Amino acid sequence: MDRWDGFLRRARERRGLTQDEVASLLDRSQASVAYAEKSMRPTLMQFERYARALGYQLEIRFVDLLEEREDIR
């Protein structure tokens, strides 16, 4: 299972909204919301639109995974 599987749906459900309500907020059809929620790899634009519509702020960070590795320094 992909780590994004169901992510947009769970965000919507946490806000207690239906797909129709989110579609209205996004000025999209309910079918497009359903498609986006079923997508295994939502686009960055989809994440950003959902975040704003649902009252979230999308943050993208680079985390230095090499910082703690002694063999890389």
C-alpha atoms as a PDB file:
ATOM      1  CA  MET A   1       0.000   0.000   0.000  1.00  0.00           C
ATOM      2  CA  ASP A   2       1.270   3.452  -0.915  1.00  0.00           C
ATOM      3  CA  ARG A   3       1.777   5.867   1.954  1.00  0.00           C
ATOM      4  CA  TRP A   4      -0.603   8.361   0.292  1.00  0.00           C
ATOM      5  CA  ASP A   5      -3.398   5.835  -0.158  1.00  0.00           C
ATOM      6  CA  GLY A   6      -6.515   7.417   1.332  1.00  0.00           C
ATOM      7  CA  PHE A   7      -4.693  10.520   2.578  1.00  0.00           C
ATOM      8  CA  LEU A   8      -7.030  13.064   0.941  1.00  0.00           C
ATOM      9  CA  ARG A   9     -10.107  11.093   1.992  1.00  0.00           C
ATOM     10  CA  ARG A  10      -8.942  10.928   5.613  1.00  0.00           C
ATOM     11  CA  ALA A  11      -8.240  14.676   5.635  1.00  0.00           C
ATOM     12  CA  ARG A  12     -11.762  15.343   4.354  1.00  0.00           C
ATOM     13  CA  GLU A  13     -13.324  12.973   6.870  1.00  0.00           C
ATOM     14  CA  ARG A  14     -11.426  14.612   9.756  1.00  0.00           C
ATOM     15  CA  ARG A  15     -13.226  17.826   8.836  1.00  0.00           C
ATOM     16  CA  GLY A  16     -16.567  16.009   8.705  1.00  0.00           C
ATOM     17  CA  LEU A  17     -17.182  16.925   5.064  1.00  0.00           C
ATOM     18  CA  THR A  18     -18.714  14.969   2.220  1.00  0.00           C
ATOM     19  CA  GLN A  19     -17.212  14.724  -1.241  1.00  0.00           C
ATOM     20  CA  ASP A  20     -20.006  17.002  -2.493  1.00  0.00           C
ATOM     21  CA  GLU A  21     -19.106  19.657   0.079  1.00  0.00           C
ATOM     22  CA  VAL A  22     -15.419  19.519  -0.822  1.00  0.00           C
ATOM     23  CA  ALA A  23     -16.302  19.660  -4.512  1.00  0.00           C
ATOM     24  CA  SER A  24     -18.242  22.846  -3.850  1.00  0.00           C
ATOM     25  CA  LEU A  25     -15.300  24.361  -1.960  1.00  0.00           C
ATOM     26  CA  LEU A  26     -12.953  23.453  -4.806  1.00  0.00           C
ATOM     27  CA  ASP A  27     -15.385  24.453  -7.567  1.00  0.00           C
ATOM     28  CA  ARG A  28     -15.050  20.930  -8.954  1.00  0.00           C
ATOM     29  CA  SER A  29     -17.404  18.022  -9.505  1.00  0.00           C
ATOM     30  CA  GLN A  30     -17.979  15.324  -6.908  1.00  0.00           C
ATOM     31  CA  ALA A  31     -16.589  12.850  -9.456  1.00  0.00           C
ATOM     32  CA  SER A  32     -13.288  14.753  -9.648  1.00  0.00           C
ATOM     33  CA  VAL A  33     -13.028  14.740  -5.845  1.00  0.00           C
ATOM     34  CA  ALA A  34     -13.688  10.989  -5.792  1.00  0.00           C
ATOM     35  CA  TYR A  35     -11.046  10.457  -8.493  1.00  0.00           C
ATOM     36  CA  ALA A  36      -8.465  12.537  -6.608  1.00  0.00           C
ATOM     37  CA  GLU A  37      -9.167  10.638  -3.391  1.00  0.00           C
ATOM     38  CA  LYS A  38      -8.696   7.295  -5.155  1.00  0.00           C
ATOM     39  CA  SER A  39      -5.477   8.402  -6.852  1.00  0.00           C
ATOM     40  CA  MET A  40      -2.470   6.483  -5.562  1.00  0.00           C
ATOM     41  CA  ARG A  41      -0.217   9.465  -6.261  1.00  0.00           C
ATOM     42  CA  PRO A  42      -2.001  12.780  -5.740  1.00  0.00           C
ATOM     43  CA  THR A  43      -0.250  15.738  -7.335  1.00  0.00           C
ATOM     44  CA  LEU A  44       1.255  18.544  -5.309  1.00  0.00           C
ATOM     45  CA  MET A  45      -1.433  20.825  -6.730  1.00  0.00           C
ATOM     46  CA  GLN A  46      -4.161  18.465  -5.474  1.00  0.00           C
ATOM     47  CA  PHE A  47      -2.621  18.451  -2.009  1.00  0.00           C
ATOM     48  CA  GLU A  48      -2.383  22.244  -1.990  1.00  0.00           C
ATOM     49  CA  ARG A  49      -5.989  22.738  -3.143  1.00  0.00           C
ATOM     50  CA  TYR A  50      -7.309  20.257  -0.609  1.00  0.00           C
ATOM     51  CA  ALA A  51      -5.252  21.798   2.183  1.00  0.00           C
ATOM     52  CA  ARG A  52      -6.654  25.265   1.542  1.00  0.00           C
ATOM     53  CA  ALA A  53     -10.225  24.059   1.035  1.00  0.00           C
ATOM     54  CA  LEU A  54     -10.144  22.073   4.269  1.00  0.00           C
ATOM     55  CA  GLY A  55      -8.455  24.775   6.331  1.00  0.00           C
ATOM     56  CA  TYR A  56      -5.011  23.206   6.434  1.00  0.00           C
ATOM     57  CA  GLN A  57      -1.640  24.649   5.518  1.00  0.00           C
ATOM     58  CA  LEU A  58       0.507  22.483   3.271  1.00  0.00           C
ATOM     59  CA  GLU A  59       4.144  22.443   4.352  1.00  0.00           C
ATOM     60  CA  ILE A  60       6.981  20.921   2.389  1.00  0.00           C
ATOM     61  CA  ARG A  61      10.268  20.414   4.157  1.00  0.00           C
ATOM     62  CA  PHE A  62      13.618  18.939   3.299  1.00  0.00           C
ATOM     63  CA  VAL A  63      14.873  16.879   6.218  1.00  0.00           C
ATOM     64  CA  ASP A  64      18.590  16.169   6.217  1.00  0.00           C
ATOM     65  CA  LEU A  65      18.793  12.402   6.460  1.00  0.00           C
ATOM     66  CA  LEU A  66      22.553  12.442   6.082  1.00  0.00           C
ATOM     67  CA  GLU A  67      23.227  14.810   8.974  1.00  0.00           C
ATOM     68  CA  GLU A  68      23.442  12.026  11.536  1.00  0.00           C
ATOM     69  CA  ARG A  69      25.466   9.602   9.430  1.00  0.00           C
ATOM     70  CA  GLU A  70      29.109   9.545  10.470  1.00  0.00           C
ATOM     71  CA  ASP A  71      30.301   7.898   7.248  1.00  0.00           C
ATOM     72  CA  ILE A  72      29.094  10.803   5.055  1.00  0.00           C
ATOM     73  CA  ARG A  73      30.834  13.683   6.836  1.00  0.00           C
END
